[in-house]
Structures are given as structure tokens and as C-alpha cells.
Amino acid sequence: MIQAGDITMLNQCFNIIPKSIVAEDLGEHKGRYSTRLTGIENMTYKDIKNLSSLFEIDITIVFKLIDNQARSNEASKQSVFDNKN
């Protein structure tokens, strides 16, 4: 689905695979992992590499999913600020 372009942002992956399962597979506590995903722009290279390995896709695809998610989050924040004025 990712390689077919049906999934364009990282959070869409969690509609198919629950965050708790991904966190467990990565050896992380699910609460900590959810917090990390909230600040997705702060994910490390190691995080991205681990997701790439887990999802069995090229690391550049994972980076693109994260970048798309971060841009979407930023646009949403900007939209909230624009609507307050």
C-alpha cells in the first residue's frame, strides 16, 4: 500500500497497523512511542531506519512519509492560527 501510493503520511500506516503493535515490534513502550509521533519532526535517523526495516521498505520512502506528515501537521497548525485572527 505504501509503495502503491495509497499511504502518503506516516499516521496513515497506523490505520492498518496499530501504534501499539509497531511500538512493541520496535521494542518501545507504546506511550513513549505515541509521544514521539506527536513530535514527528524530532524523529531520529535511528527511528526512521528502524521503521524502514520493520515495514520492509526503503528508508527514503519512510523519510518521505514522515516529511509529508510533518508538513501536514505544520499546515494544520498554521490554519488554526489563521482562523483565530
N, C-alpha and C. Protein backbone atom coordinates (compact mmCIF):
# COMPACT_ATOMS: atom_id res chain seq x y z
N MET A 1 0.81 -1.20 0.00
CA MET A 1 0.00 0.00 0.00
C MET A 1 0.86 1.26 0.00
N ILE A 2 1.96 1.20 0.73
CA ILE A 2 2.85 2.36 0.77
C ILE A 2 3.47 2.58 -0.60
N GLN A 3 4.01 1.52 -1.15
CA GLN A 3 4.70 1.65 -2.44
C GLN A 3 3.72 1.94 -3.58
N ALA A 4 2.45 1.57 -3.41
CA ALA A 4 1.45 1.87 -4.43
C ALA A 4 0.98 3.32 -4.34
N GLY A 5 1.35 4.02 -3.27
CA GLY A 5 0.97 5.41 -3.11
C GLY A 5 -0.34 5.61 -2.38
N ASP A 6 -0.93 4.53 -1.87
CA ASP A 6 -2.18 4.65 -1.12
C ASP A 6 -1.95 5.29 0.24
N ILE A 7 -0.75 5.12 0.77
CA ILE A 7 -0.37 5.72 2.05
C ILE A 7 0.68 6.77 1.75
N THR A 8 0.39 8.02 2.15
CA THR A 8 1.30 9.12 1.84
C THR A 8 1.88 9.78 3.09
N MET A 9 1.32 9.46 4.27
CA MET A 9 1.82 10.02 5.52
C MET A 9 1.94 8.90 6.55
N LEU A 10 2.87 9.06 7.46
CA LEU A 10 3.15 8.01 8.43
C LEU A 10 1.92 7.66 9.26
N ASN A 11 1.14 8.63 9.67
CA ASN A 11 0.00 8.33 10.53
C ASN A 11 -1.02 7.43 9.84
N GLN A 12 -1.04 7.42 8.52
CA GLN A 12 -1.96 6.55 7.78
C GLN A 12 -1.59 5.07 7.96
N CYS A 13 -0.33 4.80 8.23
CA CYS A 13 0.10 3.42 8.47
C CYS A 13 -0.61 2.84 9.69
N PHE A 14 -0.91 3.70 10.65
CA PHE A 14 -1.49 3.23 11.90
C PHE A 14 -2.99 2.97 11.80
N ASN A 15 -3.57 3.24 10.63
CA ASN A 15 -4.94 2.81 10.37
C ASN A 15 -4.96 1.32 10.02
N ILE A 16 -3.79 0.80 9.64
CA ILE A 16 -3.67 -0.60 9.25
C ILE A 16 -2.98 -1.40 10.35
N ILE A 17 -1.89 -0.84 10.87
CA ILE A 17 -1.13 -1.49 11.94
C ILE A 17 -1.20 -0.57 13.16
N PRO A 18 -1.80 -1.03 14.25
CA PRO A 18 -1.91 -0.17 15.44
C PRO A 18 -0.54 0.29 15.96
N LYS A 19 -0.50 1.51 16.47
CA LYS A 19 0.75 2.06 17.02
C LYS A 19 1.33 1.14 18.09
N SER A 20 0.45 0.54 18.89
CA SER A 20 0.92 -0.33 19.97
C SER A 20 1.70 -1.53 19.43
N ILE A 21 1.27 -2.06 18.29
CA ILE A 21 1.97 -3.20 17.67
C ILE A 21 3.32 -2.74 17.13
N VAL A 22 3.35 -1.59 16.46
CA VAL A 22 4.60 -1.05 15.92
C VAL A 22 5.57 -0.77 17.06
N ALA A 23 5.07 -0.13 18.12
CA ALA A 23 5.93 0.17 19.27
C ALA A 23 6.51 -1.11 19.85
N GLU A 24 5.66 -2.12 20.02
CA GLU A 24 6.12 -3.39 20.57
C GLU A 24 7.17 -4.03 19.67
N ASP A 25 6.92 -4.02 18.36
CA ASP A 25 7.88 -4.60 17.41
C ASP A 25 9.22 -3.86 17.40
N LEU A 26 9.16 -2.56 17.73
CA LEU A 26 10.39 -1.76 17.79
C LEU A 26 11.04 -1.81 19.17
N GLY A 27 10.39 -2.49 20.12
CA GLY A 27 10.93 -2.62 21.47
C GLY A 27 10.76 -1.36 22.30
N GLU A 28 9.71 -0.59 22.00
CA GLU A 28 9.47 0.66 22.74
C GLU A 28 8.15 0.57 23.49
N HIS A 29 8.04 1.37 24.53
CA HIS A 29 6.80 1.48 25.28
C HIS A 29 5.80 2.25 24.42
N LYS A 30 4.55 1.77 24.35
CA LYS A 30 3.59 2.38 23.42
C LYS A 30 3.28 3.84 23.76
N GLY A 31 3.28 4.20 25.04
CA GLY A 31 3.04 5.60 25.41
C GLY A 31 4.17 6.50 24.94
N ARG A 32 5.39 6.05 25.12
CA ARG A 32 6.56 6.82 24.69
C ARG A 32 6.57 6.97 23.17
N TYR A 33 6.19 5.90 22.48
CA TYR A 33 6.19 5.93 21.03
C TYR A 33 5.12 6.90 20.51
N SER A 34 3.95 6.88 21.14
CA SER A 34 2.89 7.83 20.75
C SER A 34 3.34 9.26 20.95
N THR A 35 4.04 9.52 22.04
CA THR A 35 4.56 10.86 22.30
C THR A 35 5.57 11.25 21.24
N ARG A 36 6.42 10.32 20.86
CA ARG A 36 7.41 10.60 19.82
C ARG A 36 6.74 10.95 18.49
N LEU A 37 5.65 10.25 18.19
CA LEU A 37 4.94 10.50 16.94
C LEU A 37 4.24 11.86 16.94
N THR A 38 3.90 12.35 18.11
CA THR A 38 3.28 13.67 18.22
C THR A 38 4.26 14.75 17.76
N GLY A 39 5.53 14.57 18.08
CA GLY A 39 6.58 15.48 17.64
C GLY A 39 7.38 14.85 16.51
N ILE A 40 6.69 14.44 15.47
CA ILE A 40 7.28 13.64 14.40
C ILE A 40 8.52 14.29 13.77
N GLU A 41 8.57 15.61 13.78
CA GLU A 41 9.72 16.29 13.19
C GLU A 41 11.00 16.06 13.99
N ASN A 42 10.86 15.48 15.19
CA ASN A 42 12.02 15.21 16.03
C ASN A 42 12.49 13.76 15.96
N MET A 43 11.92 12.98 15.04
CA MET A 43 12.35 11.60 14.92
C MET A 43 13.81 11.55 14.47
N THR A 44 14.52 10.58 14.99
CA THR A 44 15.94 10.45 14.68
C THR A 44 16.15 9.54 13.47
N TYR A 45 17.36 9.58 12.96
CA TYR A 45 17.73 8.69 11.87
C TYR A 45 17.51 7.23 12.27
N LYS A 46 17.86 6.91 13.51
CA LYS A 46 17.68 5.54 14.00
C LYS A 46 16.20 5.15 13.98
N ASP A 47 15.31 6.08 14.38
CA ASP A 47 13.87 5.80 14.34
C ASP A 47 13.42 5.50 12.92
N ILE A 48 13.88 6.32 11.99
CA ILE A 48 13.49 6.17 10.59
C ILE A 48 14.04 4.86 10.03
N LYS A 49 15.27 4.55 10.37
CA LYS A 49 15.89 3.31 9.92
C LYS A 49 15.15 2.09 10.48
N ASN A 50 14.75 2.16 11.74
CA ASN A 50 14.01 1.06 12.36
C ASN A 50 12.65 0.85 11.69
N LEU A 51 11.96 1.94 11.39
CA LEU A 51 10.67 1.84 10.69
C LEU A 51 10.86 1.24 9.30
N SER A 52 11.91 1.66 8.64
CA SER A 52 12.21 1.13 7.31
C SER A 52 12.40 -0.38 7.36
N SER A 53 13.13 -0.82 8.33
CA SER A 53 13.38 -2.25 8.50
C SER A 53 12.09 -2.99 8.86
N LEU A 54 11.33 -2.44 9.78
CA LEU A 54 10.08 -3.07 10.21
C LEU A 54 9.07 -3.18 9.07
N PHE A 55 8.91 -2.09 8.32
CA PHE A 55 7.95 -2.07 7.22
C PHE A 55 8.49 -2.71 5.94
N GLU A 56 9.79 -3.02 5.97
CA GLU A 56 10.47 -3.63 4.82
C GLU A 56 10.35 -2.78 3.56
N ILE A 57 10.62 -1.48 3.74
CA ILE A 57 10.63 -0.54 2.61
C ILE A 57 11.88 0.32 2.69
N ASP A 58 12.23 0.93 1.60
CA ASP A 58 13.43 1.77 1.53
C ASP A 58 13.32 2.93 2.51
N ILE A 59 14.42 3.26 3.11
CA ILE A 59 14.45 4.33 4.11
C ILE A 59 14.00 5.67 3.53
N THR A 60 14.25 5.90 2.26
CA THR A 60 13.83 7.18 1.66
C THR A 60 12.30 7.29 1.60
N ILE A 61 11.62 6.17 1.49
CA ILE A 61 10.16 6.18 1.49
C ILE A 61 9.65 6.53 2.88
N VAL A 62 10.26 5.96 3.90
CA VAL A 62 9.86 6.29 5.28
C VAL A 62 10.12 7.77 5.55
N PHE A 63 11.26 8.26 5.11
CA PHE A 63 11.56 9.68 5.28
C PHE A 63 10.49 10.54 4.62
N LYS A 64 10.06 10.16 3.43
CA LYS A 64 9.03 10.92 2.71
C LYS A 64 7.70 10.89 3.46
N LEU A 65 7.33 9.73 4.00
CA LEU A 65 6.10 9.63 4.79
C LEU A 65 6.15 10.56 6.00
N ILE A 66 7.30 10.60 6.66
CA ILE A 66 7.47 11.46 7.83
C ILE A 66 7.46 12.93 7.42
N ASP A 67 8.14 13.24 6.33
CA ASP A 67 8.16 14.62 5.84
C ASP A 67 6.75 15.08 5.47
N ASN A 68 6.01 14.25 4.78
CA ASN A 68 4.63 14.60 4.42
C ASN A 68 3.78 14.83 5.67
N GLN A 69 3.98 13.97 6.68
CA GLN A 69 3.22 14.12 7.93
C GLN A 69 3.59 15.41 8.63
N ALA A 70 4.88 15.73 8.70
CA ALA A 70 5.33 16.96 9.37
C ALA A 70 4.79 18.19 8.64
N ARG A 71 4.80 18.15 7.32
CA ARG A 71 4.25 19.28 6.55
C ARG A 71 2.75 19.44 6.78
N SER A 72 2.05 18.33 6.85
CA SER A 72 0.61 18.36 7.10
C SER A 72 0.32 18.92 8.50
N ASN A 73 1.11 18.47 9.47
CA ASN A 73 0.95 18.98 10.83
C ASN A 73 1.19 20.48 10.89
N GLU A 74 2.22 20.94 10.19
CA GLU A 74 2.56 22.37 10.17
C GLU A 74 1.44 23.17 9.50
N ALA A 75 0.91 22.64 8.41
CA ALA A 75 -0.18 23.33 7.71
C ALA A 75 -1.42 23.41 8.60
N SER A 76 -1.68 22.35 9.36
CA SER A 76 -2.83 22.35 10.27
C SER A 76 -2.65 23.38 11.37
N LYS A 77 -1.45 23.47 11.91
CA LYS A 77 -1.17 24.48 12.95
C LYS A 77 -1.34 25.88 12.38
N GLN A 78 -0.84 26.09 11.18
CA GLN A 78 -0.94 27.41 10.55
C GLN A 78 -2.40 27.76 10.31
N SER A 79 -3.20 26.79 9.91
CA SER A 79 -4.61 27.01 9.66
C SER A 79 -5.35 27.42 10.93
N VAL A 80 -4.98 26.81 12.05
CA VAL A 80 -5.58 27.18 13.33
C VAL A 80 -5.25 28.62 13.67
N PHE A 81 -4.00 29.01 13.47
CA PHE A 81 -3.60 30.38 13.77
C PHE A 81 -4.30 31.37 12.84
N ASP A 82 -4.44 31.02 11.59
CA ASP A 82 -5.12 31.91 10.62
C ASP A 82 -6.58 32.10 10.99
N ASN A 83 -7.22 31.05 11.48
CA ASN A 83 -8.64 31.14 11.83
C ASN A 83 -8.89 31.93 13.11
N LYS A 84 -7.89 32.11 13.94
CA LYS A 84 -8.04 32.87 15.18
C LYS A 84 -8.06 34.36 14.92
N ASN A 85 -7.55 34.79 13.80
CA ASN A 85 -7.48 36.22 13.50
C ASN A 85 -8.73 36.73 12.85
